[in-house]
Amino acid sequence: MDLSLYFSLWHLFVFKELSGVCYTKGQI
């Protein structure tokens, strides 16, 4: 497995999750 590719996908997933949490908190 390409480690750099795995890390980039993991970073993208974490960024999306954090963005979703901030967006949800902003609506409340």
N, C-alpha and C. Protein backbone atom coordinates (compact mmCIF):
# COMPACT_ATOMS: atom_id res chain seq x y z
N MET A 1 0.84 -1.20 0.00
CA MET A 1 0.00 0.00 0.00
C MET A 1 0.87 1.25 0.00
N ASP A 2 0.42 2.25 -0.75
CA ASP A 2 1.17 3.52 -0.79
C ASP A 2 0.81 4.32 0.46
N LEU A 3 1.79 4.51 1.33
CA LEU A 3 1.54 5.17 2.61
C LEU A 3 1.08 6.62 2.42
N SER A 4 1.67 7.31 1.46
CA SER A 4 1.30 8.72 1.24
C SER A 4 -0.15 8.83 0.78
N LEU A 5 -0.59 7.87 -0.04
CA LEU A 5 -1.97 7.89 -0.51
C LEU A 5 -2.92 7.62 0.64
N TYR A 6 -2.55 6.67 1.49
CA TYR A 6 -3.38 6.34 2.65
C TYR A 6 -3.51 7.54 3.58
N PHE A 7 -2.40 8.24 3.81
CA PHE A 7 -2.41 9.39 4.71
C PHE A 7 -3.26 10.52 4.13
N SER A 8 -3.16 10.73 2.82
CA SER A 8 -3.94 11.81 2.20
C SER A 8 -5.44 11.52 2.30
N LEU A 9 -5.82 10.24 2.12
CA LEU A 9 -7.23 9.88 2.23
C LEU A 9 -7.71 10.04 3.67
N TRP A 10 -6.86 9.65 4.62
CA TRP A 10 -7.22 9.76 6.04
C TRP A 10 -7.38 11.22 6.42
N HIS A 11 -6.47 12.08 5.93
CA HIS A 11 -6.53 13.51 6.25
C HIS A 11 -7.79 14.13 5.65
N LEU A 12 -8.16 13.70 4.44
CA LEU A 12 -9.36 14.23 3.79
C LEU A 12 -10.60 13.83 4.57
N PHE A 13 -10.62 12.57 5.06
CA PHE A 13 -11.76 12.08 5.82
C PHE A 13 -11.90 12.85 7.14
N VAL A 14 -10.79 13.06 7.84
CA VAL A 14 -10.82 13.78 9.11
C VAL A 14 -11.27 15.22 8.88
N PHE A 15 -10.77 15.84 7.81
CA PHE A 15 -11.14 17.23 7.52
C PHE A 15 -12.64 17.33 7.24
N LYS A 16 -13.18 16.36 6.52
CA LYS A 16 -14.61 16.37 6.20
C LYS A 16 -15.44 16.17 7.46
N GLU A 17 -14.99 15.28 8.34
CA GLU A 17 -15.72 15.04 9.59
C GLU A 17 -15.72 16.29 10.46
N LEU A 18 -14.57 16.94 10.59
CA LEU A 18 -14.47 18.14 11.40
C LEU A 18 -15.34 19.26 10.81
N SER A 19 -15.35 19.36 9.49
CA SER A 19 -16.15 20.38 8.84
C SER A 19 -17.63 20.13 9.11
N GLY A 20 -18.04 18.85 9.08
CA GLY A 20 -19.43 18.50 9.32
C GLY A 20 -19.84 18.83 10.75
N VAL A 21 -18.94 18.59 11.71
CA VAL A 21 -19.23 18.86 13.12
C VAL A 21 -19.37 20.37 13.33
N CYS A 22 -18.46 21.14 12.76
CA CYS A 22 -18.51 22.60 12.92
C CYS A 22 -19.77 23.15 12.26
N TYR A 23 -20.15 22.59 11.12
CA TYR A 23 -21.33 23.06 10.41
C TYR A 23 -22.59 22.75 11.22
N THR A 24 -22.62 21.57 11.82
CA THR A 24 -23.77 21.18 12.63
C THR A 24 -23.89 22.06 13.87
N LYS A 25 -22.77 22.33 14.53
CA LYS A 25 -22.79 23.16 15.73
C LYS A 25 -23.21 24.59 15.39
N GLY A 26 -22.82 25.04 14.18
CA GLY A 26 -23.16 26.39 13.77
C GLY A 26 -24.66 26.57 13.57
N GLN A 27 -25.37 25.49 13.24
CA GLN A 27 -26.81 25.59 13.01
C GLN A 27 -27.59 25.58 14.30
N ILE A 28 -27.02 25.02 15.34
CA ILE A 28 -27.73 24.91 16.62
C ILE A 28 -27.73 26.26 17.35
